[in-house]
Protein backbone atom coordinates (compact mmCIF):
# COMPACT_ATOMS: atom_id res chain seq x y z
CA MET A 1 -12.60 -12.35 7.65
CA TYR A 2 -11.46 -8.99 6.31
CA ASP A 3 -13.91 -7.12 8.52
CA GLY A 4 -12.32 -8.66 11.62
CA PHE A 5 -8.93 -7.44 10.41
CA VAL A 6 -10.27 -3.90 9.98
CA ALA A 7 -11.84 -3.91 13.45
CA LYS A 8 -8.58 -5.13 15.01
CA GLN A 9 -6.50 -2.53 13.18
CA MET A 10 -8.94 0.27 14.04
CA ALA A 11 -8.70 -0.65 17.71
CA ALA A 12 -4.90 -0.68 17.48
CA PHE A 13 -4.78 2.69 15.74
CA SER A 14 -7.24 4.20 18.22
CA SER A 15 -5.24 3.06 21.23
CA GLN A 16 -1.68 3.54 19.91
CA THR A 17 -1.95 6.73 17.85
CA ASN A 18 -3.71 10.04 18.14
CA LEU A 19 -5.28 9.85 14.69
CA PRO A 20 -9.06 10.33 14.67
CA ALA A 21 -11.25 7.45 13.51
CA PHE A 22 -12.61 9.40 10.52
CA ILE A 23 -9.11 9.30 9.02
CA HIS A 24 -8.04 5.70 9.53
CA GLY A 25 -11.48 4.10 9.30
CA PRO A 26 -12.11 4.68 5.57
CA TYR A 27 -8.43 4.09 4.80
CA LEU A 28 -8.42 0.65 6.41
CA HIS A 29 -11.69 -0.30 4.73
CA THR A 30 -10.42 0.54 1.23
CA LEU A 31 -6.79 -0.61 1.57
CA ALA A 32 -7.32 -4.26 0.58
CA TYR A 33 -9.46 -3.36 -2.43
CA LEU A 34 -6.89 -0.81 -3.56
CA GLU A 35 -4.09 -3.36 -3.29
CA ILE A 36 -6.11 -5.92 -5.28
CA ALA A 37 -6.86 -3.37 -8.01
CA LEU A 38 -3.23 -2.25 -8.24
CA GLY A 39 -2.01 -5.84 -8.29
CA LEU A 40 -4.38 -6.72 -11.12
CA MET A 41 -3.27 -3.66 -13.05
CA LEU A 42 0.35 -4.76 -12.70
CA LEU A 43 -0.35 -8.38 -13.61
CA LEU A 44 -2.40 -7.45 -16.66
CA GLY A 45 -0.02 -4.71 -17.76
CA VAL A 46 -2.53 -1.88 -17.65
CA ARG A 47 -0.94 1.54 -17.11
CA THR A 48 2.07 -0.02 -15.43
CA LYS A 49 3.85 3.25 -14.66
CA TYR A 50 0.83 4.71 -12.90
CA ALA A 51 0.08 1.46 -11.09
CA LEU A 52 3.66 1.29 -9.78
CA ALA A 53 3.54 4.92 -8.67
CA ALA A 54 0.24 4.34 -6.84
CA THR A 55 1.67 1.16 -5.29
CA SER A 56 4.70 3.10 -4.05
CA LEU A 57 2.48 5.78 -2.52
CA THR A 58 0.40 3.08 -0.87
CA TYR A 59 3.55 1.57 0.64
CA VAL A 60 4.60 4.99 1.93
CA SER A 61 1.22 5.45 3.61
CA ILE A 62 1.39 1.97 5.16
CA ALA A 63 4.91 2.69 6.43
CA TYR A 64 3.72 5.98 7.94
CA GLY A 65 0.93 4.20 9.79
CA LEU A 66 3.33 1.55 11.06
CA MET A 67 5.72 4.27 12.24
CA LEU A 68 2.91 5.90 14.18
CA ARG A 69 2.20 2.56 15.85
CA GLY A 70 5.90 1.98 16.59
CA SER A 71 6.18 -1.22 14.56
CA ILE A 72 9.76 -0.94 13.30
CA ASP A 73 9.87 -4.52 11.95
CA GLY A 74 6.85 -3.82 9.77
CA VAL A 75 8.44 -0.61 8.50
CA ASN A 76 11.57 -2.54 7.49
CA GLY A 77 9.50 -5.01 5.47
CA ILE A 78 7.52 -2.27 3.77
CA GLY A 79 10.80 -0.46 3.03
CA ILE A 80 12.04 -3.48 1.08
CA HIS A 81 8.78 -3.56 -0.91
CA LEU A 82 9.16 0.16 -1.54
CA LEU A 83 12.69 -0.32 -2.87
CA ILE A 84 11.49 -3.06 -5.22
CA SER A 85 8.64 -0.84 -6.42
CA ALA A 86 11.06 2.05 -7.02
CA ALA A 87 13.37 -0.21 -9.03
CA ALA A 88 10.43 -1.48 -11.08
CA LEU A 89 9.30 2.10 -11.64
CA TYR A 90 12.78 2.98 -12.88
CA PHE A 91 12.85 0.06 -15.33
CA VAL A 92 9.24 0.39 -16.51
CA ARG A 93 10.39 2.14 -19.68
CA HIS A 94 11.82 -1.19 -20.84
CA ASN A 95 8.50 -2.99 -20.42
CA LYS A 96 7.47 -4.43 -23.79
CA CYS A 97 4.58 -6.57 -22.50
CA GLU A 98 2.28 -3.74 -21.44
CA LEU A 99 -1.29 -4.03 -22.71
CA LEU A 100 -2.34 -0.39 -22.24
CA ARG A 101 0.14 2.45 -22.00
């Protein structure tokens, strides 16, 4: 299932952007695993500040790719997620339930 998503996205990036395949190929293959790892870190409370910072950078990279493709609606949705991540990063100092700092 995930491999079909990657193939579809690689075809879209190849036809709609001028990025070479050696850039977006590995990125698309690792994106889901990175999101799962960051989500688990946030849920378990492991290095929350770093997990939120990495999540924000991931959202910025997704928004950049969507801008290259011209998908403004997708950029708006990612922007909302980025704002929520920035707010969480601001308030992370008040987190008392963190397992590993």
